[in-house]
Amino acid sequence: MMNKGIEMEYGKAFTFLTEDPDWIKKLGIAAAIVFVAIVGSVFLLIPTILGLLLLSGYAVEIARRVINNEVKPLPEWTDFGGLFKNGLFLAIALFVYALPSIILSVCAQSNSFLPAMLRGNVDRDILEMTQTVTGVLALCCSCLQFIYSIFMGMVTPAVAGQVASKGTIGAAFDFNAVFGHLRAQPVVYLLVFLITAVAGFVLALVGLIVCGIGLFVTIPFSVFINAHLWGQAYRFTSSKLAEVPAA
């Protein structure tokens, strides 16, 4: 059972990095991986995919350590196989959860390609009616996609927490557990989504200001912030769920 009295410390996600005596080295390795991923994308997708999966796996490991309340949340860059596996698990899980958004995105583009396909093959009235229908459909799909993007932002910490705490991809699809965490403290997951979104945007701007080179540092720093908040949210809601039977 989780310890009672656990509280969210949102500010801790921005400061925990420097509490590790080897934080510069660990952040530097992450920055090097981001550099290889970005530069490698010019030539091949393989370095980019590997880099993103390693960084995602590192985020999962940070979340796991936060969930377990370990003193040093920043892991060493040693178990690359384990990091790759966890990153792959998280990537697959989030891709599956994002499928409705992908479908909605395709539908939202229907007002562009469908009338173009029909132009010249049907009369003007049918073409105008098709444009009207697809325009309304695209607007509705865009609105639904926006709503679903908020849902994705809220559910991601719970999915990552499941992968981090259980260590299996199947845990990400334990919908009772995932949505149980989300229902337990929806405001916490909404706040985590908003904080990570704003922090990511600000750090991206800072990285771009420094001739774009700063992105090699701000991107992994943003990932570390996200991971710490994911772990906090999952640990916090786990403690609340553990209190329910006793109540």
C-alpha atoms as a PDB file:
ATOM      1  CA  MET A   1       0.000   0.000   0.000  1.00  0.00           C
ATOM      2  CA  MET A   2       1.209   3.489  -0.806  1.00  0.00           C
ATOM      3  CA  ASN A   3       2.111   5.847   2.010  1.00  0.00           C
ATOM      4  CA  LYS A   4      -0.603   8.231   3.017  1.00  0.00           C
ATOM      5  CA  GLY A   5      -0.017  11.944   3.123  1.00  0.00           C
ATOM      6  CA  ILE A   6       1.503  12.084  -0.364  1.00  0.00           C
ATOM      7  CA  GLU A   7       1.025  15.453  -2.029  1.00  0.00           C
ATOM      8  CA  MET A   8       1.773  16.852  -5.463  1.00  0.00           C
ATOM      9  CA  GLU A   9       4.923  19.002  -5.642  1.00  0.00           C
ATOM     10  CA  TYR A  10       4.677  20.591  -9.066  1.00  0.00           C
ATOM     11  CA  GLY A  11       7.700  22.828  -8.543  1.00  0.00           C
ATOM     12  CA  LYS A  12       9.868  19.810  -7.681  1.00  0.00           C
ATOM     13  CA  ALA A  13       9.692  18.681 -11.310  1.00  0.00           C
ATOM     14  CA  PHE A  14      11.681  21.789 -12.298  1.00  0.00           C
ATOM     15  CA  THR A  15      14.371  21.490  -9.592  1.00  0.00           C
ATOM     16  CA  PHE A  16      14.953  17.767  -8.988  1.00  0.00           C
ATOM     17  CA  LEU A  17      17.454  17.616 -11.845  1.00  0.00           C
ATOM     18  CA  THR A  18      20.107  19.722 -10.110  1.00  0.00           C
ATOM     19  CA  GLU A  19      19.813  17.694  -6.890  1.00  0.00           C
ATOM     20  CA  ASP A  20      21.654  14.850  -8.592  1.00  0.00           C
ATOM     21  CA  PRO A  21      25.450  15.345  -8.353  1.00  0.00           C
ATOM     22  CA  ASP A  22      25.868  13.888 -11.852  1.00  0.00           C
ATOM     23  CA  TRP A  23      23.031  15.872 -13.437  1.00  0.00           C
ATOM     24  CA  ILE A  24      25.276  17.694 -15.915  1.00  0.00           C
ATOM     25  CA  LYS A  25      26.656  14.419 -17.262  1.00  0.00           C
ATOM     26  CA  LYS A  26      23.216  12.792 -17.475  1.00  0.00           C
ATOM     27  CA  LEU A  27      21.651  15.835 -19.144  1.00  0.00           C
ATOM     28  CA  GLY A  28      24.648  16.038 -21.489  1.00  0.00           C
ATOM     29  CA  ILE A  29      24.171  12.429 -22.632  1.00  0.00           C
ATOM     30  CA  ALA A  30      20.468  13.121 -23.216  1.00  0.00           C
ATOM     31  CA  ALA A  31      21.401  16.244 -25.202  1.00  0.00           C
ATOM     32  CA  ALA A  32      23.817  14.195 -27.319  1.00  0.00           C
ATOM     33  CA  ILE A  33      21.062  11.672 -28.055  1.00  0.00           C
ATOM     34  CA  VAL A  34      18.727  14.490 -29.105  1.00  0.00           C
ATOM     35  CA  PHE A  35      21.497  15.943 -31.302  1.00  0.00           C
ATOM     36  CA  VAL A  36      22.019  12.596 -33.058  1.00  0.00           C
ATOM     37  CA  ALA A  37      18.245  12.153 -33.436  1.00  0.00           C
ATOM     38  CA  ILE A  38      17.773  15.590 -35.012  1.00  0.00           C
ATOM     39  CA  VAL A  39      20.858  15.528 -37.222  1.00  0.00           C
ATOM     40  CA  GLY A  40      20.295  11.880 -38.154  1.00  0.00           C
ATOM     41  CA  SER A  41      16.802  12.660 -39.403  1.00  0.00           C
ATOM     42  CA  VAL A  42      18.404  14.497 -42.336  1.00  0.00           C
ATOM     43  CA  PHE A  43      19.906  11.249 -43.604  1.00  0.00           C
ATOM     44  CA  LEU A  44      18.015   8.331 -42.029  1.00  0.00           C
ATOM     45  CA  LEU A  45      15.003   7.862 -39.765  1.00  0.00           C
ATOM     46  CA  ILE A  46      16.703   5.101 -37.766  1.00  0.00           C
ATOM     47  CA  PRO A  47      18.839   7.411 -35.543  1.00  0.00           C
ATOM     48  CA  THR A  48      15.783   9.573 -34.916  1.00  0.00           C
ATOM     49  CA  ILE A  49      13.582   6.632 -33.935  1.00  0.00           C
ATOM     50  CA  LEU A  50      16.274   5.113 -31.719  1.00  0.00           C
ATOM     51  CA  GLY A  51      16.950   8.450 -30.043  1.00  0.00           C
ATOM     52  CA  LEU A  52      13.290   9.154 -29.363  1.00  0.00           C
ATOM     53  CA  LEU A  53      12.714   5.659 -27.960  1.00  0.00           C
ATOM     54  CA  LEU A  54      15.761   5.904 -25.686  1.00  0.00           C
ATOM     55  CA  LEU A  55      14.631   9.299 -24.408  1.00  0.00           C
ATOM     56  CA  SER A  56      11.087   7.972 -23.870  1.00  0.00           C
ATOM     57  CA  GLY A  57      12.480   4.975 -22.013  1.00  0.00           C
ATOM     58  CA  TYR A  58      14.558   7.278 -19.833  1.00  0.00           C
ATOM     59  CA  ALA A  59      11.374   9.227 -19.036  1.00  0.00           C
ATOM     60  CA  VAL A  60       9.618   5.986 -18.058  1.00  0.00           C
ATOM     61  CA  GLU A  61      12.513   5.121 -15.733  1.00  0.00           C
ATOM     62  CA  ILE A  62      12.352   8.573 -14.112  1.00  0.00           C
ATOM     63  CA  ALA A  63       8.614   8.106 -13.588  1.00  0.00           C
ATOM     64  CA  ARG A  64       9.218   4.657 -12.057  1.00  0.00           C
ATOM     65  CA  ARG A  65      11.733   6.045  -9.586  1.00  0.00           C
ATOM     66  CA  VAL A  66       9.403   8.897  -8.615  1.00  0.00           C
ATOM     67  CA  ILE A  67       6.540   6.425  -8.119  1.00  0.00           C
ATOM     68  CA  ASN A  68       8.775   4.348  -5.853  1.00  0.00           C
ATOM     69  CA  ASN A  69       9.919   7.525  -4.065  1.00  0.00           C
ATOM     70  CA  GLU A  70      13.604   6.834  -4.744  1.00  0.00           C
ATOM     71  CA  VAL A  71      16.117   9.411  -3.559  1.00  0.00           C
ATOM     72  CA  LYS A  72      17.780   9.821  -6.990  1.00  0.00           C
ATOM     73  CA  PRO A  73      15.115   9.949  -9.720  1.00  0.00           C
ATOM     74  CA  LEU A  74      17.680  10.421 -12.506  1.00  0.00           C
ATOM     75  CA  PRO A  75      18.907   6.989 -13.663  1.00  0.00           C
ATOM     76  CA  GLU A  76      22.310   6.245 -15.140  1.00  0.00           C
ATOM     77  CA  TRP A  77      22.661   5.938 -18.905  1.00  0.00           C
ATOM     78  CA  THR A  78      23.758   2.305 -18.727  1.00  0.00           C
ATOM     79  CA  ASP A  79      20.852  -0.063 -19.421  1.00  0.00           C
ATOM     80  CA  PHE A  80      20.196   1.016 -23.002  1.00  0.00           C
ATOM     81  CA  GLY A  81      18.329  -2.206 -23.745  1.00  0.00           C
ATOM     82  CA  GLY A  82      15.919  -1.623 -20.878  1.00  0.00           C
ATOM     83  CA  LEU A  83      15.468   2.028 -21.822  1.00  0.00           C
ATOM     84  CA  PHE A  84      14.747   1.082 -25.437  1.00  0.00           C
ATOM     85  CA  LYS A  85      12.208  -1.551 -24.359  1.00  0.00           C
ATOM     86  CA  ASN A  86      10.329   0.815 -22.045  1.00  0.00           C
ATOM     87  CA  GLY A  87      10.408   3.572 -24.655  1.00  0.00           C
ATOM     88  CA  LEU A  88       9.004   1.170 -27.243  1.00  0.00           C
ATOM     89  CA  PHE A  89       6.253   0.057 -24.855  1.00  0.00           C
ATOM     90  CA  LEU A  90       5.242   3.660 -24.166  1.00  0.00           C
ATOM     91  CA  ALA A  91       5.394   4.661 -27.846  1.00  0.00           C
ATOM     92  CA  ILE A  92       3.186   1.751 -28.941  1.00  0.00           C
ATOM     93  CA  ALA A  93       0.699   2.386 -26.146  1.00  0.00           C
ATOM     94  CA  LEU A  94       0.384   6.102 -26.859  1.00  0.00           C
ATOM     95  CA  PHE A  95       0.076   5.431 -30.594  1.00  0.00           C
ATOM     96  CA  VAL A  96      -2.886   3.126 -29.947  1.00  0.00           C
ATOM     97  CA  TYR A  97      -4.506   5.676 -27.634  1.00  0.00           C
ATOM     98  CA  ALA A  98      -3.942   8.358 -30.289  1.00  0.00           C
ATOM     99  CA  LEU A  99      -5.614   6.396 -33.109  1.00  0.00           C
ATOM    100  CA  PRO A 100      -8.976   8.208 -32.703  1.00  0.00           C
ATOM    101  CA  SER A 101      -7.149  11.529 -33.042  1.00  0.00           C
ATOM    102  CA  ILE A 102      -5.399  10.308 -36.202  1.00  0.00           C
ATOM    103  CA  ILE A 103      -8.721   9.206 -37.695  1.00  0.00           C
ATOM    104  CA  LEU A 104     -10.319  12.533 -36.813  1.00  0.00           C
ATOM    105  CA  SER A 105      -7.384  14.348 -38.418  1.00  0.00           C
ATOM    106  CA  VAL A 106      -7.885  12.436 -41.671  1.00  0.00           C
ATOM    107  CA  CYS A 107     -11.613  13.218 -41.604  1.00  0.00           C
ATOM    108  CA  ALA A 108     -10.853  16.887 -40.948  1.00  0.00           C
ATOM    109  CA  GLN A 109      -8.880  16.987 -44.199  1.00  0.00           C
ATOM    110  CA  SER A 110     -11.783  15.569 -46.209  1.00  0.00           C
ATOM    111  CA  ASN A 111     -12.908  19.066 -47.259  1.00  0.00           C
ATOM    112  CA  SER A 112      -9.583  19.430 -49.087  1.00  0.00           C
ATOM    113  CA  PHE A 113      -9.141  16.188 -50.996  1.00  0.00           C
ATOM    114  CA  LEU A 114     -12.725  14.971 -51.594  1.00  0.00           C
ATOM    115  CA  PRO A 115     -13.999  18.010 -53.592  1.00  0.00           C
ATOM    116  CA  ALA A 116     -10.710  18.017 -55.515  1.00  0.00           C
ATOM    117  CA  MET A 117     -11.266  14.397 -56.494  1.00  0.00           C
ATOM    118  CA  LEU A 118     -14.818  15.131 -57.683  1.00  0.00           C
ATOM    119  CA  ARG A 119     -14.019  18.372 -59.530  1.00  0.00           C
ATOM    120  CA  GLY A 120     -14.526  17.875 -63.252  1.00  0.00           C
ATOM    121  CA  ASN A 121     -16.415  14.595 -62.742  1.00  0.00           C
ATOM    122  CA  VAL A 122     -19.712  15.908 -61.324  1.00  0.00           C
ATOM    123  CA  ASP A 123     -21.892  18.934 -61.990  1.00  0.00           C
ATOM    124  CA  ARG A 124     -21.547  22.213 -60.094  1.00  0.00           C
ATOM    125  CA  ASP A 125     -24.515  21.693 -57.710  1.00  0.00           C
ATOM    126  CA  ILE A 126     -23.279  18.317 -56.484  1.00  0.00           C
ATOM    127  CA  LEU A 127     -19.768  19.705 -56.075  1.00  0.00           C
ATOM    128  CA  GLU A 128     -21.010  22.647 -53.981  1.00  0.00           C
ATOM    129  CA  MET A 129     -23.135  20.338 -51.832  1.00  0.00           C
ATOM    130  CA  THR A 130     -20.111  18.070 -51.325  1.00  0.00           C
ATOM    131  CA  GLN A 131     -17.989  21.044 -50.300  1.00  0.00           C
ATOM    132  CA  THR A 132     -20.616  22.144 -47.786  1.00  0.00           C
ATOM    133  CA  VAL A 133     -21.009  18.677 -46.263  1.00  0.00           C
ATOM    134  CA  THR A 134     -17.262  18.041 -46.060  1.00  0.00           C
ATOM    135  CA  GLY A 135     -16.718  21.533 -44.632  1.00  0.00           C
ATOM    136  CA  VAL A 136     -19.170  20.851 -41.796  1.00  0.00           C
ATOM    137  CA  LEU A 137     -17.647  17.403 -41.272  1.00  0.00           C
ATOM    138  CA  ALA A 138     -14.148  18.889 -41.140  1.00  0.00           C
ATOM    139  CA  LEU A 139     -15.222  21.496 -38.576  1.00  0.00           C
ATOM    140  CA  CYS A 140     -16.873  18.871 -36.361  1.00  0.00           C
ATOM    141  CA  CYS A 141     -13.849  16.577 -36.616  1.00  0.00           C
ATOM    142  CA  SER A 142     -11.485  19.440 -35.779  1.00  0.00           C
ATOM    143  CA  CYS A 143     -13.496  20.265 -32.646  1.00  0.00           C
ATOM    144  CA  LEU A 144     -13.559  16.610 -31.592  1.00  0.00           C
ATOM    145  CA  GLN A 145      -9.847  16.322 -32.267  1.00  0.00           C
ATOM    146  CA  PHE A 146      -9.149  19.317 -30.024  1.00  0.00           C
ATOM    147  CA  ILE A 147     -11.189  17.767 -27.214  1.00  0.00           C
ATOM    148  CA  TYR A 148      -9.475  14.419 -27.699  1.00  0.00           C
ATOM    149  CA  SER A 149      -6.048  16.073 -27.594  1.00  0.00           C
ATOM    150  CA  ILE A 150      -6.879  17.338 -24.096  1.00  0.00           C
ATOM    151  CA  PHE A 151      -7.945  13.822 -23.136  1.00  0.00           C
ATOM    152  CA  MET A 152      -4.652  12.458 -24.511  1.00  0.00           C
ATOM    153  CA  GLY A 153      -2.700  14.983 -22.494  1.00  0.00           C
ATOM    154  CA  MET A 154      -4.526  13.889 -19.341  1.00  0.00           C
ATOM    155  CA  VAL A 155      -4.351  10.138 -19.937  1.00  0.00           C
ATOM    156  CA  THR A 156      -0.648  10.064 -20.908  1.00  0.00           C
ATOM    157  CA  PRO A 157       0.653  10.285 -17.297  1.00  0.00           C
ATOM    158  CA  ALA A 158      -1.606   7.393 -16.266  1.00  0.00           C
ATOM    159  CA  VAL A 159      -0.477   5.274 -19.230  1.00  0.00           C
ATOM    160  CA  ALA A 160       3.190   6.103 -18.567  1.00  0.00           C
ATOM    161  CA  GLY A 161       2.665   5.356 -14.875  1.00  0.00           C
ATOM    162  CA  GLN A 162       1.248   1.944 -15.690  1.00  0.00           C
ATOM    163  CA  VAL A 163       4.204   1.100 -17.948  1.00  0.00           C
ATOM    164  CA  ALA A 164       6.670   2.443 -15.378  1.00  0.00           C
ATOM    165  CA  SER A 165       5.198   0.685 -12.349  1.00  0.00           C
ATOM    166  CA  LYS A 166       4.346  -2.661 -13.990  1.00  0.00           C
ATOM    167  CA  GLY A 167       7.067  -2.850 -16.628  1.00  0.00           C
ATOM    168  CA  THR A 168       4.819  -4.396 -19.281  1.00  0.00           C
ATOM    169  CA  ILE A 169       3.016  -3.071 -22.338  1.00  0.00           C
ATOM    170  CA  GLY A 170      -0.139  -4.914 -21.287  1.00  0.00           C
ATOM    171  CA  ALA A 171      -0.380  -2.675 -18.215  1.00  0.00           C
ATOM    172  CA  ALA A 172      -0.911   0.312 -20.514  1.00  0.00           C
ATOM    173  CA  PHE A 173      -4.095  -1.322 -21.784  1.00  0.00           C
ATOM    174  CA  ASP A 174      -5.472  -2.177 -18.353  1.00  0.00           C
ATOM    175  CA  PHE A 175      -8.252   0.329 -18.896  1.00  0.00           C
ATOM    176  CA  ASN A 176      -9.735  -0.151 -15.414  1.00  0.00           C
ATOM    177  CA  ALA A 177      -6.418   0.884 -13.888  1.00  0.00           C
ATOM    178  CA  VAL A 178      -5.673   3.701 -16.346  1.00  0.00           C
ATOM    179  CA  PHE A 179      -9.094   5.318 -16.130  1.00  0.00           C
ATOM    180  CA  GLY A 180      -9.307   4.529 -12.425  1.00  0.00           C
ATOM    181  CA  HIS A 181      -6.321   6.830 -11.880  1.00  0.00           C
ATOM    182  CA  LEU A 182      -7.840   9.441 -14.160  1.00  0.00           C
ATOM    183  CA  ARG A 183     -11.209   9.348 -12.380  1.00  0.00           C
ATOM    184  CA  ALA A 184      -9.585   9.468  -8.953  1.00  0.00           C
ATOM    185  CA  GLN A 185      -7.991  12.901  -9.474  1.00  0.00           C
ATOM    186  CA  PRO A 186      -8.942  14.391 -12.869  1.00  0.00           C
ATOM    187  CA  VAL A 187      -7.894  17.896 -11.800  1.00  0.00           C
ATOM    188  CA  VAL A 188      -4.372  16.684 -11.022  1.00  0.00           C
ATOM    189  CA  TYR A 189      -4.022  15.113 -14.463  1.00  0.00           C
ATOM    190  CA  LEU A 190      -5.411  18.234 -16.104  1.00  0.00           C
ATOM    191  CA  LEU A 191      -2.899  20.392 -14.225  1.00  0.00           C
ATOM    192  CA  VAL A 192      -0.048  18.078 -15.194  1.00  0.00           C
ATOM    193  CA  PHE A 193      -1.129  18.334 -18.838  1.00  0.00           C
ATOM    194  CA  LEU A 194      -1.302  22.139 -18.713  1.00  0.00           C
ATOM    195  CA  ILE A 195       2.020  22.518 -16.883  1.00  0.00           C
ATOM    196  CA  THR A 196       3.877  20.191 -19.246  1.00  0.00           C
ATOM    197  CA  ALA A 197       2.326  21.886 -22.287  1.00  0.00           C
ATOM    198  CA  VAL A 198       3.300  25.392 -21.125  1.00  0.00           C
ATOM    199  CA  ALA A 199       6.755  24.297 -19.944  1.00  0.00           C
ATOM    200  CA  GLY A 200       7.415  22.522 -23.241  1.00  0.00           C
ATOM    201  CA  PHE A 201       6.354  25.584 -25.230  1.00  0.00           C
ATOM    202  CA  VAL A 202       8.497  27.973 -23.172  1.00  0.00           C
ATOM    203  CA  LEU A 203      11.555  25.708 -23.255  1.00  0.00           C
ATOM    204  CA  ALA A 204      11.177  25.262 -27.020  1.00  0.00           C
ATOM    205  CA  LEU A 205      11.154  29.044 -27.436  1.00  0.00           C
ATOM    206  CA  VAL A 206      14.243  29.376 -25.263  1.00  0.00           C
ATOM    207  CA  GLY A 207      15.986  26.680 -27.291  1.00  0.00           C
ATOM    208  CA  LEU A 208      15.125  28.399 -30.559  1.00  0.00           C
ATOM    209  CA  ILE A 209      16.303  31.792 -29.313  1.00  0.00           C
ATOM    210  CA  VAL A 210      19.809  30.386 -28.811  1.00  0.00           C
ATOM    211  CA  CYS A 211      20.165  29.822 -32.579  1.00  0.00           C
ATOM    212  CA  GLY A 212      18.277  26.539 -32.254  1.00  0.00           C
ATOM    213  CA  ILE A 213      21.269  24.896 -30.531  1.00  0.00           C
ATOM    214  CA  GLY A 214      19.582  25.289 -27.169  1.00  0.00           C
ATOM    215  CA  LEU A 215      16.963  22.739 -28.241  1.00  0.00           C
ATOM    216  CA  PHE A 216      19.505  19.977 -27.665  1.00  0.00           C
ATOM    217  CA  VAL A 217      19.330  20.846 -23.959  1.00  0.00           C
ATOM    218  CA  THR A 218      15.782  22.170 -23.545  1.00  0.00           C
ATOM    219  CA  ILE A 219      14.144  19.144 -25.214  1.00  0.00           C
ATOM    220  CA  PRO A 220      15.562  16.570 -22.746  1.00  0.00           C
ATOM    221  CA  PHE A 221      14.993  18.987 -19.850  1.00  0.00           C
ATOM    222  CA  SER A 222      11.341  19.208 -20.901  1.00  0.00           C
ATOM    223  CA  VAL A 223      11.160  15.397 -21.056  1.00  0.00           C
ATOM    224  CA  PHE A 224      12.597  15.177 -17.518  1.00  0.00           C
ATOM    225  CA  ILE A 225       9.967  17.618 -16.234  1.00  0.00           C
ATOM    226  CA  ASN A 226       7.189  15.636 -17.897  1.00  0.00           C
ATOM    227  CA  ALA A 227       8.459  12.338 -16.513  1.00  0.00           C
ATOM    228  CA  HIS A 228       8.721  13.639 -12.958  1.00  0.00           C
ATOM    229  CA  LEU A 229       5.170  14.997 -13.091  1.00  0.00           C
ATOM    230  CA  TRP A 230       3.906  11.715 -14.588  1.00  0.00           C
ATOM    231  CA  GLY A 231       5.455   9.816 -11.695  1.00  0.00           C
ATOM    232  CA  GLN A 232       4.094  12.259  -9.128  1.00  0.00           C
ATOM    233  CA  ALA A 233       0.566  12.110 -10.528  1.00  0.00           C
ATOM    234  CA  TYR A 234       0.557   8.312 -10.644  1.00  0.00           C
ATOM    235  CA  ARG A 235       1.971   7.998  -7.120  1.00  0.00           C
ATOM    236  CA  PHE A 236      -0.498  10.553  -5.783  1.00  0.00           C
ATOM    237  CA  THR A 237      -3.559   8.901  -7.312  1.00  0.00           C
ATOM    238  CA  SER A 238      -2.276   5.462  -6.253  1.00  0.00           C
ATOM    239  CA  SER A 239      -2.242   6.682  -2.659  1.00  0.00           C
ATOM    240  CA  LYS A 240      -5.799   8.000  -3.010  1.00  0.00           C
ATOM    241  CA  LEU A 241      -7.006   4.749  -4.565  1.00  0.00           C
ATOM    242  CA  ALA A 242      -5.337   2.787  -1.757  1.00  0.00           C
ATOM    243  CA  GLU A 243      -7.310   4.771   0.814  1.00  0.00           C
ATOM    244  CA  VAL A 244     -10.698   3.891  -0.704  1.00  0.00           C
ATOM    245  CA  PRO A 245     -11.056   0.326   0.713  1.00  0.00           C
ATOM    246  CA  ALA A 246     -10.107   1.523   4.197  1.00  0.00           C
ATOM    247  CA  ALA A 247     -12.730   4.263   4.009  1.00  0.00           C
END
